[in-house]
Amino acid sequence: MLQQVEHKQSGVTISAGPRLKAAMILAIAADVAQMVVFPLFVEGAASPADDVLDLCVAGVLTYLLGWHWEFAPSFMAKLVPGVDFVPLWTLAVANVYRKSRAQVKATTGAGEPAGASGHNR
């Protein structure tokens, strides 16, 4: 299970709780929709429905998690025909979570080897 962890990253609070879970569910749903409903989204940048879906997903993910640079490549790549088969939204949210966990570990000192508390002997 995800534990409740909050920290600051560029003034944006990231929580590993309900907002991250909602963001992951939304990202997975959007990626599955773009893969399964292939005939509607096959045109890539020429598909207005695909563009609206990607714009909405980007907006909601930004609302839920704050702005992260991982969202920009996902949004831009979805404009290329055929790239809808790559779950870029899911990968972007997973990467945001991975980076937030690494920063929490760095600030709390978790993951330090025993005896590596910064004291020289």
Protein backbone atom coordinates (compact mmCIF):
# COMPACT_ATOMS: atom_id res chain seq x y z
CA MET A 1 0.00 0.00 0.00
CA LEU A 2 1.04 3.55 -0.53
CA GLN A 3 1.85 5.37 2.65
CA GLN A 4 0.88 8.96 3.29
CA VAL A 5 3.97 11.03 2.60
CA GLU A 6 4.01 14.73 1.87
CA HIS A 7 6.95 16.91 0.89
CA LYS A 8 7.63 20.11 -1.03
CA GLN A 9 8.98 20.09 -4.59
CA SER A 10 9.25 23.51 -6.19
CA GLY A 11 6.43 24.77 -4.00
CA VAL A 12 4.08 21.92 -5.01
CA THR A 13 2.97 19.41 -2.39
CA ILE A 14 2.95 15.81 -3.60
CA SER A 15 1.02 13.25 -1.60
CA ALA A 16 1.24 9.50 -2.10
CA GLY A 17 -2.36 9.20 -0.93
CA PRO A 18 -5.72 9.55 -2.67
CA ARG A 19 -4.60 12.17 -5.21
CA LEU A 20 -1.82 9.96 -6.54
CA LYS A 21 -4.15 6.97 -6.69
CA ALA A 22 -6.74 9.02 -8.58
CA ALA A 23 -4.05 10.31 -10.95
CA MET A 24 -2.81 6.77 -11.64
CA ILE A 25 -6.35 5.49 -12.28
CA LEU A 26 -7.02 8.43 -14.63
CA ALA A 27 -3.73 7.88 -16.49
CA ILE A 28 -4.39 4.17 -16.91
CA ALA A 29 -7.98 4.81 -18.04
CA ALA A 30 -6.84 7.40 -20.60
CA ASP A 31 -4.11 5.13 -21.97
CA VAL A 32 -6.47 2.15 -22.19
CA ALA A 33 -9.10 4.31 -23.90
CA GLN A 34 -6.55 5.44 -26.48
CA MET A 35 -5.42 1.85 -27.09
CA VAL A 36 -8.80 0.12 -27.09
CA VAL A 37 -10.83 2.73 -28.93
CA PHE A 38 -8.28 2.68 -31.75
CA PRO A 39 -10.63 3.68 -34.63
CA LEU A 40 -11.52 6.97 -32.94
CA PHE A 41 -7.96 7.93 -32.08
CA VAL A 42 -6.00 6.52 -35.04
CA GLU A 43 -5.43 9.93 -36.62
CA GLY A 44 -3.14 11.13 -33.82
CA ALA A 45 -2.77 14.91 -34.07
CA ALA A 46 -5.63 15.10 -36.58
CA SER A 47 -8.12 13.55 -34.12
CA PRO A 48 -10.01 16.21 -32.17
CA ALA A 49 -11.34 13.60 -29.71
CA ASP A 50 -7.80 12.44 -28.93
CA ASP A 51 -6.61 16.02 -28.45
CA VAL A 52 -9.51 16.83 -26.13
CA LEU A 53 -8.86 13.67 -24.10
CA ASP A 54 -5.14 14.47 -23.78
CA LEU A 55 -5.82 18.10 -22.85
CA CYS A 56 -8.31 17.03 -20.17
CA VAL A 57 -5.96 14.37 -18.80
CA ALA A 58 -3.07 16.86 -18.66
CA GLY A 59 -5.27 19.38 -16.85
CA VAL A 60 -6.62 16.93 -14.29
CA LEU A 61 -3.19 15.39 -13.63
CA THR A 62 -1.75 18.86 -13.11
CA TYR A 63 -4.60 19.63 -10.71
CA LEU A 64 -4.08 16.39 -8.79
CA LEU A 65 -0.26 16.30 -8.65
CA GLY A 66 0.87 19.78 -9.61
CA TRP A 67 2.91 20.58 -12.71
CA HIS A 68 5.71 18.14 -13.52
CA TRP A 69 7.94 18.11 -16.59
CA GLU A 70 7.06 14.44 -17.13
CA PHE A 71 3.64 15.55 -18.40
CA ALA A 72 5.04 17.66 -21.29
CA PRO A 73 6.60 14.79 -23.30
CA SER A 74 3.50 12.67 -22.70
CA PHE A 75 1.25 15.40 -24.04
CA MET A 76 3.45 16.21 -27.04
CA ALA A 77 4.11 12.57 -28.00
CA LYS A 78 0.38 11.81 -27.99
CA LEU A 79 0.08 14.16 -30.99
CA VAL A 80 2.07 11.69 -33.12
CA PRO A 81 -0.03 9.01 -34.85
CA GLY A 82 0.58 5.53 -33.46
CA VAL A 83 2.16 6.69 -30.21
CA ASP A 84 -1.22 6.23 -28.50
CA PHE A 85 -0.23 2.59 -28.08
CA VAL A 86 2.46 3.59 -25.60
CA PRO A 87 1.01 4.23 -22.11
CA LEU A 88 2.76 7.58 -21.72
CA TRP A 89 0.31 9.05 -19.18
CA THR A 90 0.73 6.02 -16.93
CA LEU A 91 4.51 6.19 -17.28
CA ALA A 92 4.50 9.92 -16.49
CA VAL A 93 2.49 9.46 -13.28
CA ALA A 94 4.65 6.49 -12.24
CA ASN A 95 7.76 8.60 -12.84
CA VAL A 96 6.36 11.46 -10.75
CA TYR A 97 5.70 8.99 -7.93
CA ARG A 98 9.17 7.43 -8.30
CA LYS A 99 10.86 10.83 -8.12
CA SER A 100 8.76 11.91 -5.14
CA ARG A 101 9.70 8.71 -3.28
CA ALA A 102 13.40 9.27 -4.03
CA GLN A 103 13.19 12.83 -2.72
CA VAL A 104 11.38 11.73 0.43
CA LYS A 105 14.07 9.11 1.06
CA ALA A 106 16.78 11.71 0.49
CA THR A 107 15.22 14.20 2.91
CA THR A 108 14.42 11.63 5.62
CA GLY A 109 17.71 9.75 5.25
CA ALA A 110 15.93 6.49 4.50
CA GLY A 111 17.95 4.02 2.55
CA GLU A 112 21.28 5.08 4.05
CA PRO A 113 23.63 2.20 4.74
CA ALA A 114 24.25 1.45 8.38
CA GLY A 115 26.93 3.72 9.78
CA ALA A 116 26.64 6.23 6.93
CA SER A 117 25.16 8.99 9.03
CA GLY A 118 27.83 11.46 7.96
CA HIS A 119 30.17 10.92 10.93
CA ASN A 120 33.83 10.23 10.13
CA ARG A 121 35.54 7.77 12.40
